[in-house]
Amino acid sequence: MIEELLEASQSALDASAFENAVEQATLEVCDFPQAWMFTGIGSTRKATVGRYPYHLIFEVTDDEVCFVALAHKRREPLYWTSRTESQE
């Protein structure tokens, strides 16, 4: 019983840390959208999500940042390509 509670507690902490990392990456993208590297697909760019194996995929227009996906770096990393406005 105690082991299950510890696992649940650790899982909640991990989830919270991941959520914080996504939020931090989102804020960084919004502050400096041109600073991130292009993905090579249309005009999309990608930002790393902290220490996690995820990228935050987004496009930049003149006056806004449009978030396209939160994509795992290795598990179907290009699943989001049909979502972009500037498909090539």
PDB file of N, CA and C in Angstrom:
ATOM      1  N   MET A   1       0.817  -1.190   0.000  1.00  0.00           N
ATOM      2  CA  MET A   1       0.000   0.000   0.000  1.00  0.00           C
ATOM      3  C   MET A   1       0.867   1.263   0.000  1.00  0.00           C
ATOM      4  N   ILE A   2       1.879   1.306   0.843  1.00  0.00           N
ATOM      5  CA  ILE A   2       2.746   2.482   0.915  1.00  0.00           C
ATOM      6  C   ILE A   2       3.497   2.661  -0.402  1.00  0.00           C
ATOM      7  N   GLU A   3       3.950   1.560  -1.001  1.00  0.00           N
ATOM      8  CA  GLU A   3       4.652   1.650  -2.282  1.00  0.00           C
ATOM      9  C   GLU A   3       3.755   2.253  -3.356  1.00  0.00           C
ATOM     10  N   GLU A   4       2.494   1.870  -3.375  1.00  0.00           N
ATOM     11  CA  GLU A   4       1.546   2.428  -4.342  1.00  0.00           C
ATOM     12  C   GLU A   4       1.357   3.926  -4.131  1.00  0.00           C
ATOM     13  N   LEU A   5       1.275   4.336  -2.882  1.00  0.00           N
ATOM     14  CA  LEU A   5       1.144   5.756  -2.587  1.00  0.00           C
ATOM     15  C   LEU A   5       2.388   6.533  -3.002  1.00  0.00           C
ATOM     16  N   LEU A   6       3.552   5.950  -2.763  1.00  0.00           N
ATOM     17  CA  LEU A   6       4.798   6.597  -3.178  1.00  0.00           C
ATOM     18  C   LEU A   6       4.873   6.709  -4.691  1.00  0.00           C
ATOM     19  N   GLU A   7       4.482   5.645  -5.396  1.00  0.00           N
ATOM     20  CA  GLU A   7       4.479   5.684  -6.858  1.00  0.00           C
ATOM     21  C   GLU A   7       3.522   6.744  -7.368  1.00  0.00           C
ATOM     22  N   ALA A   8       2.335   6.801  -6.807  1.00  0.00           N
ATOM     23  CA  ALA A   8       1.351   7.805  -7.221  1.00  0.00           C
ATOM     24  C   ALA A   8       1.870   9.217  -6.946  1.00  0.00           C
ATOM     25  N   SER A   9       2.500   9.395  -5.801  1.00  0.00           N
ATOM     26  CA  SER A   9       3.064  10.695  -5.447  1.00  0.00           C
ATOM     27  C   SER A   9       4.168  11.090  -6.425  1.00  0.00           C
ATOM     28  N   GLN A  10       5.054  10.157  -6.734  1.00  0.00           N
ATOM     29  CA  GLN A  10       6.146  10.430  -7.673  1.00  0.00           C
ATOM     30  C   GLN A  10       5.601  10.735  -9.052  1.00  0.00           C
ATOM     31  N   SER A  11       4.580   9.985  -9.471  1.00  0.00           N
ATOM     32  CA  SER A  11       3.969  10.215 -10.767  1.00  0.00           C
ATOM     33  C   SER A  11       3.365  11.613 -10.846  1.00  0.00           C
ATOM     34  N   ALA A  12       2.717  12.049  -9.786  1.00  0.00           N
ATOM     35  CA  ALA A  12       2.142  13.392  -9.752  1.00  0.00           C
ATOM     36  C   ALA A  12       3.231  14.457  -9.808  1.00  0.00           C
ATOM     37  N   LEU A  13       4.340  14.221  -9.114  1.00  0.00           N
ATOM     38  CA  LEU A  13       5.461  15.166  -9.161  1.00  0.00           C
ATOM     39  C   LEU A  13       6.055  15.227 -10.559  1.00  0.00           C
ATOM     40  N   ASP A  14       6.211  14.070 -11.195  1.00  0.00           N
ATOM     41  CA  ASP A  14       6.736  14.028 -12.557  1.00  0.00           C
ATOM     42  C   ASP A  14       5.826  14.772 -13.526  1.00  0.00           C
ATOM     43  N   ALA A  15       4.528  14.546 -13.392  1.00  0.00           N
ATOM     44  CA  ALA A  15       3.562  15.215 -14.263  1.00  0.00           C
ATOM     45  C   ALA A  15       3.614  16.727 -14.056  1.00  0.00           C
ATOM     46  N   SER A  16       3.728  17.149 -12.823  1.00  0.00           N
ATOM     47  CA  SER A  16       3.801  18.570 -12.523  1.00  0.00           C
ATOM     48  C   SER A  16       5.075  19.187 -13.096  1.00  0.00           C
ATOM     49  N   ALA A  17       6.190  18.489 -12.984  1.00  0.00           N
ATOM     50  CA  ALA A  17       7.459  18.981 -13.531  1.00  0.00           C
ATOM     51  C   ALA A  17       7.387  19.092 -15.048  1.00  0.00           C
ATOM     52  N   PHE A  18       6.754  18.121 -15.703  1.00  0.00           N
ATOM     53  CA  PHE A  18       6.602  18.161 -17.155  1.00  0.00           C
ATOM     54  C   PHE A  18       5.712  19.340 -17.553  1.00  0.00           C
ATOM     55  N   GLU A  19       4.631  19.519 -16.855  1.00  0.00           N
ATOM     56  CA  GLU A  19       3.730  20.634 -17.141  1.00  0.00           C
ATOM     57  C   GLU A  19       4.458  21.966 -16.979  1.00  0.00           C
ATOM     58  N   ASN A  20       5.264  22.091 -15.949  1.00  0.00           N
ATOM     59  CA  ASN A  20       6.047  23.316 -15.742  1.00  0.00           C
ATOM     60  C   ASN A  20       7.045  23.537 -16.870  1.00  0.00           C
ATOM     61  N   ALA A  21       7.669  22.461 -17.347  1.00  0.00           N
ATOM     62  CA  ALA A  21       8.634  22.574 -18.446  1.00  0.00           C
ATOM     63  C   ALA A  21       7.943  23.021 -19.737  1.00  0.00           C
ATOM     64  N   VAL A  22       6.749  22.495 -19.993  1.00  0.00           N
ATOM     65  CA  VAL A  22       5.992  22.914 -21.182  1.00  0.00           C
ATOM     66  C   VAL A  22       5.600  24.376 -21.059  1.00  0.00           C
ATOM     67  N   GLU A  23       5.155  24.776 -19.895  1.00  0.00           N
ATOM     68  CA  GLU A  23       4.781  26.172 -19.675  1.00  0.00           C
ATOM     69  C   GLU A  23       5.982  27.097 -19.854  1.00  0.00           C
ATOM     70  N   GLN A  24       7.136  26.707 -19.326  1.00  0.00           N
ATOM     71  CA  GLN A  24       8.350  27.519 -19.464  1.00  0.00           C
ATOM     72  C   GLN A  24       8.755  27.641 -20.933  1.00  0.00           C
ATOM     73  N   ALA A  25       8.711  26.530 -21.663  1.00  0.00           N
ATOM     74  CA  ALA A  25       9.053  26.564 -23.095  1.00  0.00           C
ATOM     75  C   ALA A  25       8.081  27.468 -23.852  1.00  0.00           C
ATOM     76  N   THR A  26       6.813  27.401 -23.507  1.00  0.00           N
ATOM     77  CA  THR A  26       5.802  28.246 -24.153  1.00  0.00           C
ATOM     78  C   THR A  26       6.102  29.725 -23.918  1.00  0.00           C
ATOM     79  N   LEU A  27       6.435  30.070 -22.698  1.00  0.00           N
ATOM     80  CA  LEU A  27       6.774  31.459 -22.383  1.00  0.00           C
ATOM     81  C   LEU A  27       8.016  31.923 -23.140  1.00  0.00           C
ATOM     82  N   GLU A  28       9.020  31.059 -23.217  1.00  0.00           N
ATOM     83  CA  GLU A  28      10.250  31.405 -23.940  1.00  0.00           C
ATOM     84  C   GLU A  28       9.977  31.604 -25.423  1.00  0.00           C
ATOM     85  N   VAL A  29       9.145  30.748 -25.996  1.00  0.00           N
ATOM     86  CA  VAL A  29       8.788  30.897 -27.409  1.00  0.00           C
ATOM     87  C   VAL A  29       8.057  32.217 -27.626  1.00  0.00           C
ATOM     88  N   CYS A  30       7.109  32.530 -26.762  1.00  0.00           N
ATOM     89  CA  CYS A  30       6.354  33.772 -26.911  1.00  0.00           C
ATOM     90  C   CYS A  30       7.244  35.006 -26.749  1.00  0.00           C
ATOM     91  N   ASP A  31       8.239  34.927 -25.876  1.00  0.00           N
ATOM     92  CA  ASP A  31       9.144  36.057 -25.672  1.00  0.00           C
ATOM     93  C   ASP A  31      10.126  36.231 -26.823  1.00  0.00           C
ATOM     94  N   PHE A  32      10.624  35.125 -27.368  1.00  0.00           N
ATOM     95  CA  PHE A  32      11.648  35.174 -28.415  1.00  0.00           C
ATOM     96  C   PHE A  32      11.344  34.176 -29.525  1.00  0.00           C
ATOM     97  N   PRO A  33      10.255  34.365 -30.268  1.00  0.00           N
ATOM     98  CA  PRO A  33       9.852  33.364 -31.263  1.00  0.00           C
ATOM     99  C   PRO A  33      10.858  33.160 -32.403  1.00  0.00           C
ATOM    100  N   GLN A  34      11.592  34.191 -32.749  1.00  0.00           N
ATOM    101  CA  GLN A  34      12.544  34.067 -33.858  1.00  0.00           C
ATOM    102  C   GLN A  34      13.846  33.369 -33.452  1.00  0.00           C
ATOM    103  N   ALA A  35      14.022  33.106 -32.180  1.00  0.00           N
ATOM    104  CA  ALA A  35      15.273  32.530 -31.684  1.00  0.00           C
ATOM    105  C   ALA A  35      15.382  31.020 -31.902  1.00  0.00           C
ATOM    106  N   TRP A  36      14.276  30.381 -32.235  1.00  0.00           N
ATOM    107  CA  TRP A  36      14.274  28.917 -32.310  1.00  0.00           C
ATOM    108  C   TRP A  36      14.526  28.427 -33.723  1.00  0.00           C
ATOM    109  N   MET A  37      15.105  27.243 -33.820  1.00  0.00           N
ATOM    110  CA  MET A  37      15.486  26.720 -35.132  1.00  0.00           C
ATOM    111  C   MET A  37      14.285  26.208 -35.919  1.00  0.00           C
ATOM    112  N   PHE A  38      14.408  26.297 -37.248  1.00  0.00           N
ATOM    113  CA  PHE A  38      13.377  25.782 -38.141  1.00  0.00           C
ATOM    114  C   PHE A  38      13.390  24.258 -38.127  1.00  0.00           C
ATOM    115  N   THR A  39      12.215  23.675 -38.377  1.00  0.00           N
ATOM    116  CA  THR A  39      12.118  22.209 -38.419  1.00  0.00           C
ATOM    117  C   THR A  39      12.493  21.664 -39.792  1.00  0.00           C
ATOM    118  N   GLY A  40      12.455  22.518 -40.816  1.00  0.00           N
ATOM    119  CA  GLY A  40      12.683  22.055 -42.183  1.00  0.00           C
ATOM    120  C   GLY A  40      11.371  21.735 -42.892  1.00  0.00           C
ATOM    121  N   ILE A  41      10.261  21.933 -42.189  1.00  0.00           N
ATOM    122  CA  ILE A  41       8.936  21.692 -42.764  1.00  0.00           C
ATOM    123  C   ILE A  41       8.175  23.006 -42.732  1.00  0.00           C
ATOM    124  N   GLY A  42       7.985  23.573 -43.906  1.00  0.00           N
ATOM    125  CA  GLY A  42       7.312  24.866 -43.995  1.00  0.00           C
ATOM    126  C   GLY A  42       8.051  25.910 -43.184  1.00  0.00           C
ATOM    127  N   SER A  43       7.302  26.727 -42.488  1.00  0.00           N
ATOM    128  CA  SER A  43       7.914  27.784 -41.667  1.00  0.00           C
ATOM    129  C   SER A  43       7.883  27.430 -40.185  1.00  0.00           C
ATOM    130  N   THR A  44       7.669  26.163 -39.879  1.00  0.00           N
ATOM    131  CA  THR A  44       7.578  25.762 -38.477  1.00  0.00           C
ATOM    132  C   THR A  44       8.941  25.793 -37.805  1.00  0.00           C
ATOM    133  N   ARG A  45       8.885  26.050 -36.523  1.00  0.00           N
ATOM    134  CA  ARG A  45      10.075  26.063 -35.676  1.00  0.00           C
ATOM    135  C   ARG A  45       9.852  25.102 -34.521  1.00  0.00           C
ATOM    136  N   LYS A  46      10.929  24.777 -33.814  1.00  0.00           N
ATOM    137  CA  LYS A  46      10.793  23.867 -32.670  1.00  0.00           C
ATOM    138  C   LYS A  46      11.595  24.362 -31.489  1.00  0.00           C
ATOM    139  N   ALA A  47      10.997  24.198 -30.323  1.00  0.00           N
ATOM    140  CA  ALA A  47      11.648  24.558 -29.063  1.00  0.00           C
ATOM    141  C   ALA A  47      11.728  23.303 -28.206  1.00  0.00           C
ATOM    142  N   THR A  48      12.837  23.126 -27.538  1.00  0.00           N
ATOM    143  CA  THR A  48      13.011  21.987 -26.643  1.00  0.00           C
ATOM    144  C   THR A  48      12.230  22.231 -25.358  1.00  0.00           C
ATOM    145  N   VAL A  49      11.654  21.169 -24.827  1.00  0.00           N
ATOM    146  CA  VAL A  49      10.876  21.260 -23.588  1.00  0.00           C
ATOM    147  C   VAL A  49      11.739  20.746 -22.441  1.00  0.00           C
ATOM    148  N   GLY A  50      12.484  21.651 -21.844  1.00  0.00           N
ATOM    149  CA  GLY A  50      13.322  21.311 -20.695  1.00  0.00           C
ATOM    150  C   GLY A  50      14.195  20.092 -20.927  1.00  0.00           C
ATOM    151  N   ARG A  51      14.182  19.186 -19.971  1.00  0.00           N
ATOM    152  CA  ARG A  51      15.004  17.973 -20.048  1.00  0.00           C
ATOM    153  C   ARG A  51      14.249  16.807 -20.658  1.00  0.00           C
ATOM    154  N   TYR A  52      13.068  17.079 -21.177  1.00  0.00           N
ATOM    155  CA  TYR A  52      12.202  16.023 -21.697  1.00  0.00           C
ATOM    156  C   TYR A  52      12.424  15.822 -23.196  1.00  0.00           C
ATOM    157  N   PRO A  53      12.126  14.629 -23.684  1.00  0.00           N
ATOM    158  CA  PRO A  53      12.344  14.350 -25.116  1.00  0.00           C
ATOM    159  C   PRO A  53      11.185  14.837 -25.979  1.00  0.00           C
ATOM    160  N   TYR A  54      10.826  16.095 -25.824  1.00  0.00           N
ATOM    161  CA  TYR A  54       9.714  16.676 -26.570  1.00  0.00           C
ATOM    162  C   TYR A  54      10.130  17.990 -27.197  1.00  0.00           C
ATOM    163  N   HIS A  55       9.474  18.304 -28.309  1.00  0.00           N
ATOM    164  CA  HIS A  55       9.612  19.607 -28.949  1.00  0.00           C
ATOM    165  C   HIS A  55       8.251  20.277 -28.966  1.00  0.00           C
ATOM    166  N   LEU A  56       8.260  21.567 -28.785  1.00  0.00           N
ATOM    167  CA  LEU A  56       7.073  22.383 -28.955  1.00  0.00           C
ATOM    168  C   LEU A  56       7.174  22.945 -30.366  1.00  0.00           C
ATOM    169  N   ILE A  57       6.251  22.561 -31.241  1.00  0.00           N
ATOM    170  CA  ILE A  57       6.286  22.962 -32.646  1.00  0.00           C
ATOM    171  C   ILE A  57       5.366  24.165 -32.817  1.00  0.00           C
ATOM    172  N   PHE A  58       5.850  25.181 -33.546  1.00  0.00           N
ATOM    173  CA  PHE A  58       5.058  26.394 -33.708  1.00  0.00           C
ATOM    174  C   PHE A  58       5.410  27.111 -34.995  1.00  0.00           C
ATOM    175  N   GLU A  59       4.529  28.021 -35.395  1.00  0.00           N
ATOM    176  CA  GLU A  59       4.753  28.895 -36.538  1.00  0.00           C
ATOM    177  C   GLU A  59       4.631  30.339 -36.059  1.00  0.00           C
ATOM    178  N   VAL A  60       5.361  31.217 -36.721  1.00  0.00           N
ATOM    179  CA  VAL A  60       5.353  32.634 -36.364  1.00  0.00           C
ATOM    180  C   VAL A  60       4.815  33.428 -37.547  1.00  0.00           C
ATOM    181  N   THR A  61       3.833  34.278 -37.280  1.00  0.00           N
ATOM    182  CA  THR A  61       3.368  35.224 -38.292  1.00  0.00           C
ATOM    183  C   THR A  61       3.794  36.612 -37.831  1.00  0.00           C
ATOM    184  N   ASP A  62       3.348  37.622 -38.532  1.00  0.00           N
ATOM    185  CA  ASP A  62       3.744  38.995 -38.179  1.00  0.00           C
ATOM    186  C   ASP A  62       3.356  39.376 -36.757  1.00  0.00           C
ATOM    187  N   ASP A  63       2.201  38.906 -36.309  1.00  0.00           N
ATOM    188  CA  ASP A  63       1.709  39.377 -35.016  1.00  0.00           C
ATOM    189  C   ASP A  63       1.320  38.281 -34.025  1.00  0.00           C
ATOM    190  N   GLU A  64       1.622  37.014 -34.343  1.00  0.00           N
ATOM    191  CA  GLU A  64       1.258  35.965 -33.395  1.00  0.00           C
ATOM    192  C   GLU A  64       2.121  34.711 -33.546  1.00  0.00           C
ATOM    193  N   VAL A  65       2.071  33.913 -32.500  1.00  0.00           N
ATOM    194  CA  VAL A  65       2.712  32.598 -32.499  1.00  0.00           C
ATOM    195  C   VAL A  65       1.592  31.577 -32.487  1.00  0.00           C
ATOM    196  N   CYS A  66       1.634  30.638 -33.406  1.00  0.00           N
ATOM    197  CA  CYS A  66       0.616  29.599 -33.489  1.00  0.00           C
ATOM    198  C   CYS A  66       1.263  28.256 -33.127  1.00  0.00           C
ATOM    199  N   PHE A  67       0.852  27.697 -32.007  1.00  0.00           N
ATOM    200  CA  PHE A  67       1.399  26.414 -31.578  1.00  0.00           C
ATOM    201  C   PHE A  67       0.713  25.290 -32.340  1.00  0.00           C
ATOM    202  N   VAL A  68       1.525  24.413 -32.908  1.00  0.00           N
ATOM    203  CA  VAL A  68       1.029  23.336 -33.760  1.00  0.00           C
ATOM    204  C   VAL A  68       0.958  22.017 -33.007  1.00  0.00           C
ATOM    205  N   ALA A  69       1.985  21.709 -32.219  1.00  0.00           N
ATOM    206  CA  ALA A  69       2.018  20.406 -31.554  1.00  0.00           C
ATOM    207  C   ALA A  69       3.045  20.375 -30.434  1.00  0.00           C
ATOM    208  N   LEU A  70       2.843  19.411 -29.578  1.00  0.00           N
ATOM    209  CA  LEU A  70       3.843  19.001 -28.600  1.00  0.00           C
ATOM    210  C   LEU A  70       4.230  17.606 -29.036  1.00  0.00           C
ATOM    211  N   ALA A  71       5.406  17.464 -29.627  1.00  0.00           N
ATOM    212  CA  ALA A  71       5.783  16.214 -30.291  1.00  0.00           C
ATOM    213  C   ALA A  71       6.971  15.552 -29.618  1.00  0.00           C
ATOM    214  N   HIS A  72       6.861  14.252 -29.415  1.00  0.00           N
ATOM    215  CA  HIS A  72       7.978  13.465 -28.900  1.00  0.00           C
ATOM    216  C   HIS A  72       9.070  13.447 -29.964  1.00  0.00           C
ATOM    217  N   LYS A  73      10.309  13.508 -29.553  1.00  0.00           N
ATOM    218  CA  LYS A  73      11.424  13.597 -30.492  1.00  0.00           C
ATOM    219  C   LYS A  73      11.628  12.323 -31.303  1.00  0.00           C
ATOM    220  N   ARG A  74      11.185  11.171 -30.787  1.00  0.00           N
ATOM    221  CA  ARG A  74      11.424   9.909 -31.491  1.00  0.00           C
ATOM    222  C   ARG A  74      10.153   9.130 -31.845  1.00  0.00           C
ATOM    223  N   ARG A  75       9.111   9.276 -31.075  1.00  0.00           N
ATOM    224  CA  ARG A  75       7.863   8.537 -31.319  1.00  0.00           C
ATOM    225  C   ARG A  75       6.975   9.337 -32.256  1.00  0.00           C
ATOM    226  N   GLU A  76       6.904   8.918 -33.483  1.00  0.00           N
ATOM    227  CA  GLU A  76       6.124   9.624 -34.500  1.00  0.00           C
ATOM    228  C   GLU A  76       6.377  11.125 -34.458  1.00  0.00           C
ATOM    229  N   PRO A  77       7.615  11.525 -34.630  1.00  0.00           N
ATOM    230  CA  PRO A  77       7.966  12.939 -34.456  1.00  0.00           C
ATOM    231  C   PRO A  77       7.354  13.883 -35.491  1.00  0.00           C
ATOM    232  N   LEU A  78       6.856  13.357 -36.603  1.00  0.00           N
ATOM    233  CA  LEU A  78       6.304  14.230 -37.644  1.00  0.00           C
ATOM    234  C   LEU A  78       4.792  14.098 -37.795  1.00  0.00           C
ATOM    235  N   TYR A  79       4.114  13.558 -36.798  1.00  0.00           N
ATOM    236  CA  TYR A  79       2.673  13.348 -36.896  1.00  0.00           C
ATOM    237  C   TYR A  79       1.907  14.653 -37.121  1.00  0.00           C
ATOM    238  N   TRP A  80       2.483  15.757 -36.774  1.00  0.00           N
ATOM    239  CA  TRP A  80       1.826  17.058 -36.776  1.00  0.00           C
ATOM    240  C   TRP A  80       1.886  17.781 -38.120  1.00  0.00           C
ATOM    241  N   THR A  81       2.596  17.245 -39.095  1.00  0.00           N
ATOM    242  CA  THR A  81       2.857  17.991 -40.331  1.00  0.00           C
ATOM    243  C   THR A  81       1.599  18.403 -41.086  1.00  0.00           C
ATOM    244  N   SER A  82       0.537  17.651 -40.958  1.00  0.00           N
ATOM    245  CA  SER A  82      -0.705  18.022 -41.668  1.00  0.00           C
ATOM    246  C   SER A  82      -1.404  19.216 -41.013  1.00  0.00           C
ATOM    247  N   ARG A  83      -0.958  19.638 -39.866  1.00  0.00           N
ATOM    248  CA  ARG A  83      -1.578  20.753 -39.129  1.00  0.00           C
ATOM    249  C   ARG A  83      -1.038  22.122 -39.520  1.00  0.00           C
ATOM    250  N   THR A  84       0.036  22.158 -40.265  1.00  0.00           N
ATOM    251  CA  THR A  84       0.685  23.445 -40.534  1.00  0.00           C
ATOM    252  C   THR A  84      -0.001  24.194 -41.662  1.00  0.00           C
ATOM    253  N   GLU A  85       0.066  25.504 -41.585  1.00  0.00           N
ATOM    254  CA  GLU A  85      -0.494  26.352 -42.625  1.00  0.00           C
ATOM    255  C   GLU A  85       0.393  26.361 -43.856  1.00  0.00           C
ATOM    256  N   SER A  86       1.674  26.170 -43.668  1.00  0.00           N
ATOM    257  CA  SER A  86       2.632  26.290 -44.767  1.00  0.00           C
ATOM    258  C   SER A  86       3.237  24.929 -45.111  1.00  0.00           C
ATOM    259  N   GLN A  87       2.384  23.985 -45.448  1.00  0.00           N
ATOM    260  CA  GLN A  87       2.877  22.643 -45.797  1.00  0.00           C
ATOM    261  C   GLN A  87       3.654  22.718 -47.101  1.00  0.00           C
ATOM    262  N   GLU A  88       4.724  21.934 -47.161  1.00  0.00           N
ATOM    263  CA  GLU A  88       5.515  21.892 -48.398  1.00  0.00           C
ATOM    264  C   GLU A  88       5.451  20.512 -48.993  1.00  0.00           C
TER     265      GLU A  88
END
